[in-house]
PDB file of N, CA and C in Angstrom:
ATOM      1  N   UNK A   1      -7.060 -19.345  17.539  1.00  0.00           N
ATOM      2  CA  UNK A   1      -7.691 -17.898  17.646  1.00  0.00           C
ATOM      3  C   UNK A   1      -8.135 -17.950  19.140  1.00  0.00           C
ATOM      4  N   UNK A   2      -7.866 -16.787  19.824  1.00  0.00           N
ATOM      5  CA  UNK A   2      -8.139 -16.584  21.202  1.00  0.00           C
ATOM      6  C   UNK A   2     -10.002 -15.966  20.895  1.00  0.00           C
ATOM      7  N   UNK A   3     -10.329 -16.371  22.117  1.00  0.00           N
ATOM      8  CA  UNK A   3     -11.928 -15.925  22.262  1.00  0.00           C
ATOM      9  C   UNK A   3     -11.839 -14.198  22.161  1.00  0.00           C
ATOM     10  N   UNK A   4     -10.900 -13.456  22.566  1.00  0.00           N
ATOM     11  CA  UNK A   4     -11.147 -11.965  22.616  1.00  0.00           C
ATOM     12  C   UNK A   4     -10.851 -11.698  20.973  1.00  0.00           C
ATOM     13  N   UNK A   5     -10.041 -12.599  20.286  1.00  0.00           N
ATOM     14  CA  UNK A   5      -9.811 -12.239  18.797  1.00  0.00           C
ATOM     15  C   UNK A   5     -11.188 -12.708  18.055  1.00  0.00           C
ATOM     16  N   UNK A   6     -11.791 -13.493  18.503  1.00  0.00           N
ATOM     17  CA  UNK A   6     -12.971 -14.017  17.659  1.00  0.00           C
ATOM     18  C   UNK A   6     -14.238 -13.245  18.123  1.00  0.00           C
ATOM     19  N   UNK A   7     -14.102 -12.162  19.223  1.00  0.00           N
ATOM     20  CA  UNK A   7     -15.164 -11.222  19.687  1.00  0.00           C
ATOM     21  C   UNK A   7     -14.887  -9.909  18.766  1.00  0.00           C
ATOM     22  N   UNK A   8     -13.534  -9.647  18.746  1.00  0.00           N
ATOM     23  CA  UNK A   8     -13.407  -8.531  17.972  1.00  0.00           C
ATOM     24  C   UNK A   8     -13.784  -8.754  16.539  1.00  0.00           C
ATOM     25  N   UNK A   9     -13.256  -9.722  15.616  1.00  0.00           N
ATOM     26  CA  UNK A   9     -13.504  -9.853  14.219  1.00  0.00           C
ATOM     27  C   UNK A   9     -15.055 -10.104  14.193  1.00  0.00           C
ATOM     28  N   UNK A  10     -15.736 -10.528  15.174  1.00  0.00           N
ATOM     29  CA  UNK A  10     -17.395 -10.642  15.281  1.00  0.00           C
ATOM     30  C   UNK A  10     -17.781  -9.262  14.951  1.00  0.00           C
ATOM     31  N   UNK A  11     -17.377  -8.517  15.851  1.00  0.00           N
ATOM     32  CA  UNK A  11     -17.853  -6.975  15.855  1.00  0.00           C
ATOM     33  C   UNK A  11     -17.499  -6.211  14.911  1.00  0.00           C
ATOM     34  N   UNK A  12     -16.238  -6.371  14.165  1.00  0.00           N
ATOM     35  CA  UNK A  12     -15.860  -5.848  12.872  1.00  0.00           C
ATOM     36  C   UNK A  12     -16.723  -6.589  11.669  1.00  0.00           C
ATOM     37  N   UNK A  13     -17.270  -7.706  11.869  1.00  0.00           N
ATOM     38  CA  UNK A  13     -18.034  -8.233  10.606  1.00  0.00           C
ATOM     39  C   UNK A  13     -19.491  -7.579  10.738  1.00  0.00           C
ATOM     40  N   UNK A  14     -19.933  -7.450  12.088  1.00  0.00           N
ATOM     41  CA  UNK A  14     -21.229  -6.771  12.130  1.00  0.00           C
ATOM     42  C   UNK A  14     -20.937  -5.359  11.705  1.00  0.00           C
ATOM     43  N   UNK A  15     -20.108  -4.425  12.024  1.00  0.00           N
ATOM     44  CA  UNK A  15     -19.933  -3.152  11.465  1.00  0.00           C
ATOM     45  C   UNK A  15     -19.857  -3.420  10.211  1.00  0.00           C
ATOM     46  N   UNK A  16     -19.215  -4.159   9.427  1.00  0.00           N
ATOM     47  CA  UNK A  16     -19.022  -4.023   7.948  1.00  0.00           C
ATOM     48  C   UNK A  16     -20.348  -4.336   7.338  1.00  0.00           C
ATOM     49  N   UNK A  17     -21.381  -5.200   7.789  1.00  0.00           N
ATOM     50  CA  UNK A  17     -22.364  -5.361   7.294  1.00  0.00           C
ATOM     51  C   UNK A  17     -23.411  -4.148   7.251  1.00  0.00           C
ATOM     52  N   UNK A  18     -23.284  -3.460   8.608  1.00  0.00           N
ATOM     53  CA  UNK A  18     -23.895  -1.936   8.503  1.00  0.00           C
ATOM     54  C   UNK A  18     -23.123  -1.121   7.354  1.00  0.00           C
ATOM     55  N   UNK A  19     -22.024  -1.084   7.285  1.00  0.00           N
ATOM     56  CA  UNK A  19     -21.328  -0.108   6.424  1.00  0.00           C
ATOM     57  C   UNK A  19     -21.859  -0.454   4.856  1.00  0.00           C
ATOM     58  N   UNK A  20     -21.825  -1.847   4.906  1.00  0.00           N
ATOM     59  CA  UNK A  20     -22.293  -2.417   3.286  1.00  0.00           C
ATOM     60  C   UNK A  20     -23.436  -1.512   3.057  1.00  0.00           C
ATOM     61  N   UNK A  21     -24.411  -1.852   4.062  1.00  0.00           N
ATOM     62  CA  UNK A  21     -25.946  -1.275   3.705  1.00  0.00           C
ATOM     63  C   UNK A  21     -26.007   0.409   3.446  1.00  0.00           C
ATOM     64  N   UNK A  22     -25.048   1.201   4.402  1.00  0.00           N
ATOM     65  CA  UNK A  22     -24.848   2.537   4.091  1.00  0.00           C
ATOM     66  C   UNK A  22     -24.250   2.880   2.903  1.00  0.00           C
ATOM     67  N   UNK A  23     -23.335   2.306   2.871  1.00  0.00           N
ATOM     68  CA  UNK A  23     -22.387   2.779   1.362  1.00  0.00           C
ATOM     69  C   UNK A  23     -22.534   2.320   0.000  1.00  0.00           C
ATOM     70  N   UNK A  24     -23.039   1.107  -0.082  1.00  0.00           N
ATOM     71  CA  UNK A  24     -23.125   0.344  -1.328  1.00  0.00           C
ATOM     72  C   UNK A  24     -24.707   0.285  -1.863  1.00  0.00           C
ATOM     73  N   UNK A  25     -25.348   1.278  -1.571  1.00  0.00           N
ATOM     74  CA  UNK A  25     -26.623   1.138  -2.116  1.00  0.00           C
ATOM     75  C   UNK A  25     -26.690   1.298  -3.583  1.00  0.00           C
ATOM     76  N   UNK A  26     -25.847   2.107  -4.169  1.00  0.00           N
ATOM     77  CA  UNK A  26     -25.813   2.189  -5.731  1.00  0.00           C
ATOM     78  C   UNK A  26     -25.250   0.882  -6.452  1.00  0.00           C
ATOM     79  N   UNK A  27     -24.769  -0.223  -5.660  1.00  0.00           N
ATOM     80  CA  UNK A  27     -24.353  -1.291  -6.498  1.00  0.00           C
ATOM     81  C   UNK A  27     -24.772  -2.381  -5.934  1.00  0.00           C
ATOM     82  N   UNK A  28     -26.039  -2.987  -6.441  1.00  0.00           N
ATOM     83  CA  UNK A  28     -26.398  -3.975  -5.744  1.00  0.00           C
ATOM     84  C   UNK A  28     -26.074  -5.216  -5.781  1.00  0.00           C
ATOM     85  N   UNK A  29     -25.434  -5.502  -6.954  1.00  0.00           N
ATOM     86  CA  UNK A  29     -24.577  -6.774  -6.775  1.00  0.00           C
ATOM     87  C   UNK A  29     -23.337  -6.956  -5.927  1.00  0.00           C
ATOM     88  N   UNK A  30     -22.802  -6.177  -5.733  1.00  0.00           N
ATOM     89  CA  UNK A  30     -21.353  -5.912  -4.947  1.00  0.00           C
ATOM     90  C   UNK A  30     -22.041  -5.926  -3.516  1.00  0.00           C
ATOM     91  N   UNK A  31     -23.231  -5.118  -3.295  1.00  0.00           N
ATOM     92  CA  UNK A  31     -23.756  -5.117  -1.895  1.00  0.00           C
ATOM     93  C   UNK A  31     -24.243  -6.763  -1.302  1.00  0.00           C
ATOM     94  N   UNK A  32     -24.692  -7.489  -2.339  1.00  0.00           N
ATOM     95  CA  UNK A  32     -25.300  -8.704  -2.027  1.00  0.00           C
ATOM     96  C   UNK A  32     -24.196  -9.839  -1.849  1.00  0.00           C
ATOM     97  N   UNK A  33     -23.079  -9.815  -2.594  1.00  0.00           N
ATOM     98  CA  UNK A  33     -21.903 -10.476  -2.291  1.00  0.00           C
ATOM     99  C   UNK A  33     -21.132 -10.003  -0.947  1.00  0.00           C
ATOM    100  N   UNK A  34     -20.925  -8.838  -0.666  1.00  0.00           N
ATOM    101  CA  UNK A  34     -20.487  -8.489   0.485  1.00  0.00           C
ATOM    102  C   UNK A  34     -21.235  -8.741   1.769  1.00  0.00           C
ATOM    103  N   UNK A  35     -22.657  -8.740   1.547  1.00  0.00           N
ATOM    104  CA  UNK A  35     -23.352  -9.224   2.816  1.00  0.00           C
ATOM    105  C   UNK A  35     -23.391 -10.442   2.901  1.00  0.00           C
ATOM    106  N   UNK A  36     -23.494 -11.145   1.856  1.00  0.00           N
ATOM    107  CA  UNK A  36     -23.467 -12.825   2.013  1.00  0.00           C
ATOM    108  C   UNK A  36     -22.071 -13.102   2.777  1.00  0.00           C
ATOM    109  N   UNK A  37     -20.836 -12.641   2.161  1.00  0.00           N
ATOM    110  CA  UNK A  37     -19.544 -13.137   2.580  1.00  0.00           C
ATOM    111  C   UNK A  37     -19.803 -12.465   4.093  1.00  0.00           C
ATOM    112  N   UNK A  38     -20.005 -11.443   4.586  1.00  0.00           N
ATOM    113  CA  UNK A  38     -19.871 -10.958   5.776  1.00  0.00           C
ATOM    114  C   UNK A  38     -20.768 -11.660   7.088  1.00  0.00           C
ATOM    115  N   UNK A  39     -21.839 -11.645   6.448  1.00  0.00           N
ATOM    116  CA  UNK A  39     -22.677 -12.807   6.943  1.00  0.00           C
ATOM    117  C   UNK A  39     -22.335 -14.344   7.631  1.00  0.00           C
ATOM    118  N   UNK A  40     -21.650 -14.853   6.392  1.00  0.00           N
ATOM    119  CA  UNK A  40     -21.178 -16.075   6.535  1.00  0.00           C
ATOM    120  C   UNK A  40     -19.907 -15.975   7.694  1.00  0.00           C
ATOM    121  N   UNK A  41     -19.048 -14.899   7.524  1.00  0.00           N
ATOM    122  CA  UNK A  41     -17.945 -14.824   8.376  1.00  0.00           C
ATOM    123  C   UNK A  41     -18.796 -14.504   9.918  1.00  0.00           C
ATOM    124  N   UNK A  42     -19.554 -13.883  10.027  1.00  0.00           N
ATOM    125  CA  UNK A  42     -20.311 -13.349  11.293  1.00  0.00           C
ATOM    126  C   UNK A  42     -20.872 -14.896  11.831  1.00  0.00           C
ATOM    127  N   UNK A  43     -21.410 -15.535  11.074  1.00  0.00           N
ATOM    128  CA  UNK A  43     -22.358 -16.685  11.732  1.00  0.00           C
ATOM    129  C   UNK A  43     -21.136 -17.967  12.161  1.00  0.00           C
ATOM    130  N   UNK A  44     -20.054 -17.643  11.329  1.00  0.00           N
ATOM    131  CA  UNK A  44     -18.787 -18.869  11.736  1.00  0.00           C
ATOM    132  C   UNK A  44     -18.377 -18.453  13.036  1.00  0.00           C
ATOM    133  N   UNK A  45     -18.163 -16.979  13.153  1.00  0.00           N
ATOM    134  CA  UNK A  45     -17.563 -16.413  14.466  1.00  0.00           C
ATOM    135  C   UNK A  45     -18.544 -16.429  15.593  1.00  0.00           C
ATOM    136  N   UNK A  46     -19.869 -16.512  15.440  1.00  0.00           N
ATOM    137  CA  UNK A  46     -20.753 -16.639  16.352  1.00  0.00           C
ATOM    138  C   UNK A  46     -20.765 -17.874  16.962  1.00  0.00           C
ATOM    139  N   UNK A  47     -20.660 -18.819  16.153  1.00  0.00           N
ATOM    140  CA  UNK A  47     -20.657 -20.282  16.461  1.00  0.00           C
ATOM    141  C   UNK A  47     -19.469 -20.723  17.164  1.00  0.00           C
ATOM    142  N   UNK A  48     -18.207 -20.009  16.475  1.00  0.00           N
ATOM    143  CA  UNK A  48     -17.210 -20.371  17.398  1.00  0.00           C
ATOM    144  C   UNK A  48     -17.133 -19.832  18.973  1.00  0.00           C
ATOM    145  N   UNK A  49     -17.810 -18.566  19.089  1.00  0.00           N
ATOM    146  CA  UNK A  49     -17.562 -17.707  20.184  1.00  0.00           C
ATOM    147  C   UNK A  49     -18.605 -18.997  21.192  1.00  0.00           C
ATOM    148  N   UNK A  50     -19.823 -19.081  20.752  1.00  0.00           N
ATOM    149  CA  UNK A  50     -20.818 -20.090  21.473  1.00  0.00           C
ATOM    150  C   UNK A  50     -20.266 -21.519  21.943  1.00  0.00           C
ATOM    151  N   UNK A  51     -19.488 -22.030  20.888  1.00  0.00           N
ATOM    152  CA  UNK A  51     -18.633 -23.274  21.350  1.00  0.00           C
ATOM    153  C   UNK A  51     -17.428 -23.049  22.465  1.00  0.00           C
ATOM    154  N   UNK A  52     -16.797 -21.973  22.277  1.00  0.00           N
ATOM    155  CA  UNK A  52     -15.769 -21.464  23.378  1.00  0.00           C
ATOM    156  C   UNK A  52     -16.470 -21.453  24.570  1.00  0.00           C
ATOM    157  N   UNK A  53     -17.789 -20.723  24.943  1.00  0.00           N
ATOM    158  CA  UNK A  53     -18.276 -20.447  26.094  1.00  0.00           C
ATOM    159  C   UNK A  53     -18.703 -21.827  26.626  1.00  0.00           C
ATOM    160  N   UNK A  54     -19.180 -22.695  25.803  1.00  0.00           N
ATOM    161  CA  UNK A  54     -19.772 -24.172  26.449  1.00  0.00           C
ATOM    162  C   UNK A  54     -18.464 -24.834  27.096  1.00  0.00           C
ATOM    163  N   UNK A  55     -17.151 -24.666  26.030  1.00  0.00           N
ATOM    164  CA  UNK A  55     -16.082 -25.344  26.799  1.00  0.00           C
ATOM    165  C   UNK A  55     -15.716 -24.658  27.868  1.00  0.00           C
ATOM    166  N   UNK A  56     -15.730 -23.495  28.001  1.00  0.00           N
ATOM    167  CA  UNK A  56     -15.073 -22.793  29.444  1.00  0.00           C
ATOM    168  C   UNK A  56     -16.116 -23.281  30.562  1.00  0.00           C
ATOM    169  N   UNK A  57     -17.476 -23.271  30.108  1.00  0.00           N
ATOM    170  CA  UNK A  57     -18.531 -23.572  31.183  1.00  0.00           C
ATOM    171  C   UNK A  57     -18.156 -25.126  31.734  1.00  0.00           C
ATOM    172  N   UNK A  58     -18.047 -25.976  30.990  1.00  0.00           N
ATOM    173  CA  UNK A  58     -17.642 -27.274  31.211  1.00  0.00           C
ATOM    174  C   UNK A  58     -16.312 -27.285  31.801  1.00  0.00           C
ATOM    175  N   UNK A  59     -15.337 -26.682  31.518  1.00  0.00           N
ATOM    176  CA  UNK A  59     -13.982 -26.721  32.415  1.00  0.00           C
ATOM    177  C   UNK A  59     -14.322 -26.248  33.738  1.00  0.00           C
ATOM    178  N   UNK A  60     -15.190 -25.224  33.841  1.00  0.00           N
ATOM    179  CA  UNK A  60     -15.404 -24.705  35.300  1.00  0.00           C
ATOM    180  C   UNK A  60     -16.301 -25.562  36.173  1.00  0.00           C
ATOM    181  N   UNK A  61     -17.073 -26.439  35.562  1.00  0.00           N
ATOM    182  CA  UNK A  61     -18.162 -27.261  36.354  1.00  0.00           C
ATOM    183  C   UNK A  61     -17.891 -28.353  36.242  1.00  0.00           C
ATOM    184  N   UNK A  62     -16.563 -29.103  36.044  1.00  0.00           N
ATOM    185  CA  UNK A  62     -16.191 -30.453  36.028  1.00  0.00           C
ATOM    186  C   UNK A  62     -16.876 -31.182  37.365  1.00  0.00           C
ATOM    187  N   UNK A  63     -17.194 -32.390  37.135  1.00  0.00           N
ATOM    188  CA  UNK A  63     -17.524 -33.101  38.335  1.00  0.00           C
ATOM    189  C   UNK A  63     -16.246 -33.383  39.129  1.00  0.00           C
ATOM    190  N   UNK A  64     -16.492 -33.297  40.380  1.00  0.00           N
ATOM    191  CA  UNK A  64     -15.303 -34.003  41.480  1.00  0.00           C
ATOM    192  C   UNK A  64     -15.113 -35.449  41.104  1.00  0.00           C
ATOM    193  N   UNK A  65     -13.971 -35.582  41.714  1.00  0.00           N
ATOM    194  CA  UNK A  65     -13.353 -36.971  41.458  1.00  0.00           C
ATOM    195  C   UNK A  65     -13.497 -37.866  42.561  1.00  0.00           C
TER     196      UNK A  65
END
């Protein structure tokens, strides 16, 4: 997965969390399930994005031979 795709999916997951709060007020069990699932996806994507930035920084700042 490319970094751009991960960022787009992260933004969509956060938007999904906001929409779940807004539209699933009357279904608490479904809301909890959706929030947990979307939060785990957002967390995994945030870790992936962070690790990509660390890898990119390491490639840019490699020591001279």
